[in-house]
Amino acid sequence: MGQAASVHETEAELFYVVDGAGTLLTGGKLKEEKRQNAENLSGSGIEGGVSKKVSKGDWIMVPAGVPHQYPSVEAGGLTLMSLHLPKKIN
């Protein structure tokens, strides 16, 4: 089973796949969009977007404002490390 979809409006998110494999869906539009706080949205899924298989050792950068979700993981799970990178403020 996967996770809910997210959009971080002011931060990019860098993922490193520590172990396992799954599918990352990026782009498109959030389904059932809800505001979580001043800078983040969530949804039950994503309409449209692009799917990509990810596995141990992959690095993935999701720019600020881009919907993203791991809708499925392979048997054995998916272990991720993520780092939120705020936009530069002048």
PDB file of N, CA and C in Angstrom:
ATOM      1  N   MET A   1       0.834  -1.176   0.000  1.00  0.00           N
ATOM      2  CA  MET A   1       0.000   0.000   0.000  1.00  0.00           C
ATOM      3  C   MET A   1       0.879   1.240   0.000  1.00  0.00           C
ATOM      4  N   GLY A   2       0.472   2.271  -0.706  1.00  0.00           N
ATOM      5  CA  GLY A   2       1.253   3.486  -0.824  1.00  0.00           C
ATOM      6  C   GLY A   2       0.860   4.541   0.189  1.00  0.00           C
ATOM      7  N   GLN A   3       1.376   5.717  -0.015  1.00  0.00           N
ATOM      8  CA  GLN A   3       1.144   6.849   0.875  1.00  0.00           C
ATOM      9  C   GLN A   3       0.224   7.871   0.211  1.00  0.00           C
ATOM     10  N   ALA A   4      -0.205   8.870   0.964  1.00  0.00           N
ATOM     11  CA  ALA A   4      -0.983   9.974   0.411  1.00  0.00           C
ATOM     12  C   ALA A   4      -0.083  10.814  -0.492  1.00  0.00           C
ATOM     13  N   ALA A   5      -0.693  11.579  -1.369  1.00  0.00           N
ATOM     14  CA  ALA A   5       0.051  12.471  -2.257  1.00  0.00           C
ATOM     15  C   ALA A   5       0.319  13.789  -1.530  1.00  0.00           C
ATOM     16  N   SER A   6       1.412  14.464  -1.913  1.00  0.00           N
ATOM     17  CA  SER A   6       1.802  15.716  -1.262  1.00  0.00           C
ATOM     18  C   SER A   6       2.257  16.748  -2.268  1.00  0.00           C
ATOM     19  N   VAL A   7       2.127  18.026  -1.863  1.00  0.00           N
ATOM     20  CA  VAL A   7       2.747  19.144  -2.560  1.00  0.00           C
ATOM     21  C   VAL A   7       3.354  20.037  -1.487  1.00  0.00           C
ATOM     22  N   HIS A   8       4.640  20.311  -1.610  1.00  0.00           N
ATOM     23  CA  HIS A   8       5.315  21.256  -0.725  1.00  0.00           C
ATOM     24  C   HIS A   8       5.509  22.526  -1.550  1.00  0.00           C
ATOM     25  N   GLU A   9       4.740  23.558  -1.232  1.00  0.00           N
ATOM     26  CA  GLU A   9       4.707  24.750  -2.069  1.00  0.00           C
ATOM     27  C   GLU A   9       5.979  25.595  -1.998  1.00  0.00           C
ATOM     28  N   THR A  10       6.714  25.523  -0.892  1.00  0.00           N
ATOM     29  CA  THR A  10       7.895  26.381  -0.742  1.00  0.00           C
ATOM     30  C   THR A  10       9.196  25.608  -0.589  1.00  0.00           C
ATOM     31  N   GLU A  11       9.148  24.283  -0.705  1.00  0.00           N
ATOM     32  CA  GLU A  11      10.354  23.471  -0.534  1.00  0.00           C
ATOM     33  C   GLU A  11      10.442  22.391  -1.610  1.00  0.00           C
ATOM     34  N   ALA A  12      11.644  22.190  -2.115  1.00  0.00           N
ATOM     35  CA  ALA A  12      11.910  21.009  -2.934  1.00  0.00           C
ATOM     36  C   ALA A  12      12.131  19.855  -1.953  1.00  0.00           C
ATOM     37  N   GLU A  13      12.012  18.627  -2.440  1.00  0.00           N
ATOM     38  CA  GLU A  13      12.279  17.467  -1.587  1.00  0.00           C
ATOM     39  C   GLU A  13      13.216  16.522  -2.316  1.00  0.00           C
ATOM     40  N   LEU A  14      14.305  16.200  -1.644  1.00  0.00           N
ATOM     41  CA  LEU A  14      15.306  15.280  -2.180  1.00  0.00           C
ATOM     42  C   LEU A  14      15.139  13.944  -1.473  1.00  0.00           C
ATOM     43  N   PHE A  15      14.931  12.884  -2.253  1.00  0.00           N
ATOM     44  CA  PHE A  15      14.780  11.535  -1.705  1.00  0.00           C
ATOM     45  C   PHE A  15      15.995  10.690  -2.053  1.00  0.00           C
ATOM     46  N   TYR A  16      16.388   9.829  -1.119  1.00  0.00           N
ATOM     47  CA  TYR A  16      17.371   8.781  -1.375  1.00  0.00           C
ATOM     48  C   TYR A  16      16.710   7.468  -0.987  1.00  0.00           C
ATOM     49  N   VAL A  17      16.746   6.493  -1.891  1.00  0.00           N
ATOM     50  CA  VAL A  17      16.161   5.181  -1.606  1.00  0.00           C
ATOM     51  C   VAL A  17      17.211   4.342  -0.884  1.00  0.00           C
ATOM     52  N   VAL A  18      16.997   4.162   0.406  1.00  0.00           N
ATOM     53  CA  VAL A  18      17.927   3.421   1.254  1.00  0.00           C
ATOM     54  C   VAL A  18      17.833   1.923   0.972  1.00  0.00           C
ATOM     55  N   ASP A  19      16.603   1.432   0.803  1.00  0.00           N
ATOM     56  CA  ASP A  19      16.403   0.002   0.567  1.00  0.00           C
ATOM     57  C   ASP A  19      15.031  -0.218  -0.069  1.00  0.00           C
ATOM     58  N   GLY A  20      14.911  -1.312  -0.806  1.00  0.00           N
ATOM     59  CA  GLY A  20      13.640  -1.690  -1.398  1.00  0.00           C
ATOM     60  C   GLY A  20      13.393  -1.040  -2.748  1.00  0.00           C
ATOM     61  N   ALA A  21      12.140  -1.130  -3.192  1.00  0.00           N
ATOM     62  CA  ALA A  21      11.755  -0.594  -4.494  1.00  0.00           C
ATOM     63  C   ALA A  21      10.273  -0.266  -4.492  1.00  0.00           C
ATOM     64  N   GLY A  22       9.887   0.614  -5.404  1.00  0.00           N
ATOM     65  CA  GLY A  22       8.494   1.002  -5.525  1.00  0.00           C
ATOM     66  C   GLY A  22       8.296   1.901  -6.723  1.00  0.00           C
ATOM     67  N   THR A  23       7.181   2.588  -6.754  1.00  0.00           N
ATOM     68  CA  THR A  23       6.834   3.483  -7.854  1.00  0.00           C
ATOM     69  C   THR A  23       6.632   4.885  -7.296  1.00  0.00           C
ATOM     70  N   LEU A  24       7.250   5.859  -7.954  1.00  0.00           N
ATOM     71  CA  LEU A  24       7.064   7.269  -7.623  1.00  0.00           C
ATOM     72  C   LEU A  24       6.232   7.897  -8.726  1.00  0.00           C
ATOM     73  N   LEU A  25       5.199   8.636  -8.344  1.00  0.00           N
ATOM     74  CA  LEU A  25       4.347   9.355  -9.277  1.00  0.00           C
ATOM     75  C   LEU A  25       4.550  10.845  -9.019  1.00  0.00           C
ATOM     76  N   THR A  26       4.909  11.612 -10.063  1.00  0.00           N
ATOM     77  CA  THR A  26       5.117  13.052  -9.915  1.00  0.00           C
ATOM     78  C   THR A  26       4.341  13.807 -10.989  1.00  0.00           C
ATOM     79  N   GLY A  27       4.021  15.076 -10.671  1.00  0.00           N
ATOM     80  CA  GLY A  27       3.302  15.924 -11.611  1.00  0.00           C
ATOM     81  C   GLY A  27       1.810  15.713 -11.474  1.00  0.00           C
ATOM     82  N   GLY A  28       1.072  16.138 -12.462  1.00  0.00           N
ATOM     83  CA  GLY A  28      -0.381  15.984 -12.437  1.00  0.00           C
ATOM     84  C   GLY A  28      -1.035  16.912 -11.432  1.00  0.00           C
ATOM     85  N   LYS A  29      -2.187  16.474 -10.922  1.00  0.00           N
ATOM     86  CA  LYS A  29      -2.995  17.287 -10.003  1.00  0.00           C
ATOM     87  C   LYS A  29      -3.451  16.424  -8.830  1.00  0.00           C
ATOM     88  N   LEU A  30      -3.408  16.997  -7.625  1.00  0.00           N
ATOM     89  CA  LEU A  30      -3.863  16.272  -6.438  1.00  0.00           C
ATOM     90  C   LEU A  30      -5.351  15.958  -6.517  1.00  0.00           C
ATOM     91  N   LYS A  31      -5.742  14.755  -6.107  1.00  0.00           N
ATOM     92  CA  LYS A  31      -7.151  14.387  -5.934  1.00  0.00           C
ATOM     93  C   LYS A  31      -7.537  14.721  -4.498  1.00  0.00           C
ATOM     94  N   GLU A  32      -8.754  15.235  -4.312  1.00  0.00           N
ATOM     95  CA  GLU A  32      -9.264  15.541  -2.965  1.00  0.00           C
ATOM     96  C   GLU A  32      -8.261  16.382  -2.177  1.00  0.00           C
ATOM     97  N   GLU A  33      -7.803  17.457  -2.802  1.00  0.00           N
ATOM     98  CA  GLU A  33      -6.775  18.323  -2.209  1.00  0.00           C
ATOM     99  C   GLU A  33      -7.230  18.929  -0.884  1.00  0.00           C
ATOM    100  N   LYS A  34      -6.331  18.889   0.109  1.00  0.00           N
ATOM    101  CA  LYS A  34      -6.579  19.482   1.422  1.00  0.00           C
ATOM    102  C   LYS A  34      -5.337  20.238   1.861  1.00  0.00           C
ATOM    103  N   ARG A  35      -5.537  21.391   2.467  1.00  0.00           N
ATOM    104  CA  ARG A  35      -4.420  22.167   2.988  1.00  0.00           C
ATOM    105  C   ARG A  35      -4.026  21.593   4.344  1.00  0.00           C
ATOM    106  N   GLN A  36      -2.761  21.234   4.488  1.00  0.00           N
ATOM    107  CA  GLN A  36      -2.246  20.703   5.752  1.00  0.00           C
ATOM    108  C   GLN A  36      -1.744  21.816   6.661  1.00  0.00           C
ATOM    109  N   ASN A  37      -1.115  22.821   6.055  1.00  0.00           N
ATOM    110  CA  ASN A  37      -0.622  23.996   6.766  1.00  0.00           C
ATOM    111  C   ASN A  37      -0.336  25.067   5.719  1.00  0.00           C
ATOM    112  N   ALA A  38       0.295  26.157   6.102  1.00  0.00           N
ATOM    113  CA  ALA A  38       0.490  27.292   5.196  1.00  0.00           C
ATOM    114  C   ALA A  38       1.314  26.943   3.956  1.00  0.00           C
ATOM    115  N   GLU A  39       2.091  25.867   3.998  1.00  0.00           N
ATOM    116  CA  GLU A  39       3.010  25.559   2.904  1.00  0.00           C
ATOM    117  C   GLU A  39       2.843  24.183   2.285  1.00  0.00           C
ATOM    118  N   ASN A  40       1.894  23.386   2.769  1.00  0.00           N
ATOM    119  CA  ASN A  40       1.775  22.009   2.294  1.00  0.00           C
ATOM    120  C   ASN A  40       0.332  21.611   2.015  1.00  0.00           C
ATOM    121  N   LEU A  41       0.165  20.867   0.924  1.00  0.00           N
ATOM    122  CA  LEU A  41      -1.122  20.299   0.536  1.00  0.00           C
ATOM    123  C   LEU A  41      -0.991  18.782   0.526  1.00  0.00           C
ATOM    124  N   SER A  42      -2.104  18.088   0.715  1.00  0.00           N
ATOM    125  CA  SER A  42      -2.107  16.636   0.567  1.00  0.00           C
ATOM    126  C   SER A  42      -3.347  16.239  -0.216  1.00  0.00           C
ATOM    127  N   GLY A  43      -3.349  15.007  -0.684  1.00  0.00           N
ATOM    128  CA  GLY A  43      -4.475  14.489  -1.423  1.00  0.00           C
ATOM    129  C   GLY A  43      -4.494  12.981  -1.370  1.00  0.00           C
ATOM    130  N   SER A  44      -5.614  12.412  -1.807  1.00  0.00           N
ATOM    131  CA  SER A  44      -5.750  10.956  -1.787  1.00  0.00           C
ATOM    132  C   SER A  44      -4.961  10.281  -2.901  1.00  0.00           C
ATOM    133  N   GLY A  45      -4.557  11.053  -3.895  1.00  0.00           N
ATOM    134  CA  GLY A  45      -3.802  10.520  -5.020  1.00  0.00           C
ATOM    135  C   GLY A  45      -3.496  11.633  -6.000  1.00  0.00           C
ATOM    136  N   ILE A  46      -3.050  11.244  -7.184  1.00  0.00           N
ATOM    137  CA  ILE A  46      -2.690  12.195  -8.236  1.00  0.00           C
ATOM    138  C   ILE A  46      -3.377  11.781  -9.530  1.00  0.00           C
ATOM    139  N   GLU A  47      -4.002  12.754 -10.193  1.00  0.00           N
ATOM    140  CA  GLU A  47      -4.550  12.539 -11.531  1.00  0.00           C
ATOM    141  C   GLU A  47      -3.489  12.948 -12.530  1.00  0.00           C
ATOM    142  N   GLY A  48      -3.207  12.079 -13.488  1.00  0.00           N
ATOM    143  CA  GLY A  48      -2.151  12.370 -14.459  1.00  0.00           C
ATOM    144  C   GLY A  48      -0.801  12.105 -13.826  1.00  0.00           C
ATOM    145  N   GLY A  49       0.199  12.833 -14.257  1.00  0.00           N
ATOM    146  CA  GLY A  49       1.534  12.646 -13.713  1.00  0.00           C
ATOM    147  C   GLY A  49       2.316  11.580 -14.454  1.00  0.00           C
ATOM    148  N   VAL A  50       3.534  11.374 -13.996  1.00  0.00           N
ATOM    149  CA  VAL A  50       4.467  10.436 -14.616  1.00  0.00           C
ATOM    150  C   VAL A  50       4.945   9.445 -13.560  1.00  0.00           C
ATOM    151  N   SER A  51       4.853   8.141 -13.868  1.00  0.00           N
ATOM    152  CA  SER A  51       5.310   7.088 -12.960  1.00  0.00           C
ATOM    153  C   SER A  51       6.742   6.696 -13.278  1.00  0.00           C
ATOM    154  N   LYS A  52       7.489   6.410 -12.224  1.00  0.00           N
ATOM    155  CA  LYS A  52       8.870   5.957 -12.395  1.00  0.00           C
ATOM    156  C   LYS A  52       9.183   4.931 -11.319  1.00  0.00           C
ATOM    157  N   LYS A  53       9.781   3.810 -11.739  1.00  0.00           N
ATOM    158  CA  LYS A  53      10.242   2.810 -10.780  1.00  0.00           C
ATOM    159  C   LYS A  53      11.465   3.367 -10.078  1.00  0.00           C
ATOM    160  N   VAL A  54      11.523   3.192  -8.763  1.00  0.00           N
ATOM    161  CA  VAL A  54      12.690   3.597  -7.982  1.00  0.00           C
ATOM    162  C   VAL A  54      13.157   2.401  -7.165  1.00  0.00           C
ATOM    163  N   SER A  55      14.461   2.360  -6.916  1.00  0.00           N
ATOM    164  CA  SER A  55      15.008   1.256  -6.136  1.00  0.00           C
ATOM    165  C   SER A  55      16.261   1.695  -5.393  1.00  0.00           C
ATOM    166  N   LYS A  56      16.751   0.819  -4.548  1.00  0.00           N
ATOM    167  CA  LYS A  56      17.895   1.091  -3.683  1.00  0.00           C
ATOM    168  C   LYS A  56      19.002   1.810  -4.457  1.00  0.00           C
ATOM    169  N   GLY A  57      19.471   2.921  -3.861  1.00  0.00           N
ATOM    170  CA  GLY A  57      20.558   3.685  -4.448  1.00  0.00           C
ATOM    171  C   GLY A  57      20.124   4.873  -5.293  1.00  0.00           C
ATOM    172  N   ASP A  58      18.828   4.976  -5.613  1.00  0.00           N
ATOM    173  CA  ASP A  58      18.347   6.090  -6.440  1.00  0.00           C
ATOM    174  C   ASP A  58      18.243   7.378  -5.624  1.00  0.00           C
ATOM    175  N   TRP A  59      18.563   8.493  -6.278  1.00  0.00           N
ATOM    176  CA  TRP A  59      18.341   9.842  -5.756  1.00  0.00           C
ATOM    177  C   TRP A  59      17.254  10.478  -6.618  1.00  0.00           C
ATOM    178  N   ILE A  60      16.287  11.136  -5.992  1.00  0.00           N
ATOM    179  CA  ILE A  60      15.196  11.767  -6.731  1.00  0.00           C
ATOM    180  C   ILE A  60      14.976  13.173  -6.170  1.00  0.00           C
ATOM    181  N   MET A  61      14.935  14.178  -7.064  1.00  0.00           N
ATOM    182  CA  MET A  61      14.638  15.549  -6.649  1.00  0.00           C
ATOM    183  C   MET A  61      13.244  15.914  -7.135  1.00  0.00           C
ATOM    184  N   VAL A  62      12.383  16.319  -6.216  1.00  0.00           N
ATOM    185  CA  VAL A  62      11.041  16.775  -6.558  1.00  0.00           C
ATOM    186  C   VAL A  62      11.007  18.282  -6.290  1.00  0.00           C
ATOM    187  N   PRO A  63      10.880  19.105  -7.335  1.00  0.00           N
ATOM    188  CA  PRO A  63      10.871  20.555  -7.143  1.00  0.00           C
ATOM    189  C   PRO A  63       9.671  21.034  -6.314  1.00  0.00           C
ATOM    190  N   ALA A  64       9.822  22.190  -5.693  1.00  0.00           N
ATOM    191  CA  ALA A  64       8.725  22.807  -4.954  1.00  0.00           C
ATOM    192  C   ALA A  64       7.511  22.962  -5.868  1.00  0.00           C
ATOM    193  N   GLY A  65       6.333  22.720  -5.324  1.00  0.00           N
ATOM    194  CA  GLY A  65       5.092  22.891  -6.073  1.00  0.00           C
ATOM    195  C   GLY A  65       4.676  21.714  -6.924  1.00  0.00           C
ATOM    196  N   VAL A  66       5.458  20.631  -6.936  1.00  0.00           N
ATOM    197  CA  VAL A  66       5.143  19.465  -7.774  1.00  0.00           C
ATOM    198  C   VAL A  66       4.487  18.365  -6.929  1.00  0.00           C
ATOM    199  N   PRO A  67       3.280  17.930  -7.310  1.00  0.00           N
ATOM    200  CA  PRO A  67       2.661  16.812  -6.602  1.00  0.00           C
ATOM    201  C   PRO A  67       3.536  15.558  -6.707  1.00  0.00           C
ATOM    202  N   HIS A  68       3.594  14.788  -5.614  1.00  0.00           N
ATOM    203  CA  HIS A  68       4.365  13.544  -5.632  1.00  0.00           C
ATOM    204  C   HIS A  68       3.758  12.542  -4.662  1.00  0.00           C
ATOM    205  N   GLN A  69       3.966  11.276  -4.994  1.00  0.00           N
ATOM    206  CA  GLN A  69       3.377  10.189  -4.215  1.00  0.00           C
ATOM    207  C   GLN A  69       4.099   8.896  -4.546  1.00  0.00           C
ATOM    208  N   TYR A  70       4.238   8.032  -3.552  1.00  0.00           N
ATOM    209  CA  TYR A  70       4.697   6.661  -3.759  1.00  0.00           C
ATOM    210  C   TYR A  70       3.444   5.788  -3.653  1.00  0.00           C
ATOM    211  N   PRO A  71       2.728   5.556  -4.780  1.00  0.00           N
ATOM    212  CA  PRO A  71       1.455   4.839  -4.721  1.00  0.00           C
ATOM    213  C   PRO A  71       1.599   3.342  -4.477  1.00  0.00           C
ATOM    214  N   SER A  72       2.779   2.786  -4.739  1.00  0.00           N
ATOM    215  CA  SER A  72       2.951   1.353  -4.502  1.00  0.00           C
ATOM    216  C   SER A  72       4.403   1.050  -4.170  1.00  0.00           C
ATOM    217  N   VAL A  73       4.571   0.024  -3.359  1.00  0.00           N
ATOM    218  CA  VAL A  73       5.907  -0.463  -3.013  1.00  0.00           C
ATOM    219  C   VAL A  73       5.944  -1.965  -3.261  1.00  0.00           C
ATOM    220  N   GLU A  74       7.124  -2.456  -3.551  1.00  0.00           N
ATOM    221  CA  GLU A  74       7.269  -3.890  -3.798  1.00  0.00           C
ATOM    222  C   GLU A  74       7.351  -4.642  -2.475  1.00  0.00           C
ATOM    223  N   ALA A  75       7.176  -5.954  -2.549  1.00  0.00           N
ATOM    224  CA  ALA A  75       7.272  -6.794  -1.356  1.00  0.00           C
ATOM    225  C   ALA A  75       8.597  -6.502  -0.654  1.00  0.00           C
ATOM    226  N   GLY A  76       8.557  -6.407   0.643  1.00  0.00           N
ATOM    227  CA  GLY A  76       9.761  -6.099   1.404  1.00  0.00           C
ATOM    228  C   GLY A  76       9.843  -4.632   1.794  1.00  0.00           C
ATOM    229  N   GLY A  77       9.003  -3.793   1.167  1.00  0.00           N
ATOM    230  CA  GLY A  77       8.922  -2.392   1.571  1.00  0.00           C
ATOM    231  C   GLY A  77       9.846  -1.456   0.821  1.00  0.00           C
ATOM    232  N   LEU A  78       9.803  -0.209   1.233  1.00  0.00           N
ATOM    233  CA  LEU A  78      10.584   0.865   0.633  1.00  0.00           C
ATOM    234  C   LEU A  78      11.043   1.767   1.765  1.00  0.00           C
ATOM    235  N   THR A  79      12.349   1.908   1.921  1.00  0.00           N
ATOM    236  CA  THR A  79      12.916   2.766   2.958  1.00  0.00           C
ATOM    237  C   THR A  79      13.521   3.976   2.288  1.00  0.00           C
ATOM    238  N   LEU A  80      13.015   5.153   2.658  1.00  0.00           N
ATOM    239  CA  LEU A  80      13.453   6.404   2.053  1.00  0.00           C
ATOM    240  C   LEU A  80      14.075   7.322   3.096  1.00  0.00           C
ATOM    241  N   MET A  81      15.005   8.131   2.638  1.00  0.00           N
ATOM    242  CA  MET A  81      15.504   9.253   3.423  1.00  0.00           C
ATOM    243  C   MET A  81      15.124  10.486   2.615  1.00  0.00           C
ATOM    244  N   SER A  82      14.581  11.521   3.269  1.00  0.00           N
ATOM    245  CA  SER A  82      14.224  12.719   2.523  1.00  0.00           C
ATOM    246  C   SER A  82      14.754  13.962   3.223  1.00  0.00           C
ATOM    247  N   LEU A  83      15.026  14.959   2.398  1.00  0.00           N
ATOM    248  CA  LEU A  83      15.537  16.234   2.878  1.00  0.00           C
ATOM    249  C   LEU A  83      14.724  17.327   2.207  1.00  0.00           C
ATOM    250  N   HIS A  84      14.125  18.206   2.994  1.00  0.00           N
ATOM    251  CA  HIS A  84      13.365  19.330   2.458  1.00  0.00           C
ATOM    252  C   HIS A  84      14.302  20.512   2.267  1.00  0.00           C
ATOM    253  N   LEU A  85      14.263  21.092   1.079  1.00  0.00           N
ATOM    254  CA  LEU A  85      15.165  22.183   0.716  1.00  0.00           C
ATOM    255  C   LEU A  85      14.355  23.445   0.441  1.00  0.00           C
ATOM    256  N   PRO A  86      14.367  24.410   1.370  1.00  0.00           N
ATOM    257  CA  PRO A  86      13.566  25.618   1.184  1.00  0.00           C
ATOM    258  C   PRO A  86      14.074  26.465   0.037  1.00  0.00           C
ATOM    259  N   LYS A  87      13.136  27.210  -0.582  1.00  0.00           N
ATOM    260  CA  LYS A  87      13.523  28.160  -1.628  1.00  0.00           C
ATOM    261  C   LYS A  87      14.406  29.233  -1.001  1.00  0.00           C
ATOM    262  N   LYS A  88      15.333  29.726  -1.782  1.00  0.00           N
ATOM    263  CA  LYS A  88      16.189  30.823  -1.322  1.00  0.00           C
ATOM    264  C   LYS A  88      15.345  32.075  -1.157  1.00  0.00           C
ATOM    265  N   ILE A  89      15.485  32.723  -0.034  1.00  0.00           N
ATOM    266  CA  ILE A  89      14.773  33.972   0.217  1.00  0.00           C
ATOM    267  C   ILE A  89      15.782  35.105   0.208  1.00  0.00           C
ATOM    268  N   ASN A  90      15.521  36.118  -0.599  1.00  0.00           N
ATOM    269  CA  ASN A  90      16.451  37.259  -0.676  1.00  0.00           C
ATOM    270  C   ASN A  90      16.076  38.328   0.314  1.00  0.00           C
TER     271      ASN A  90
END
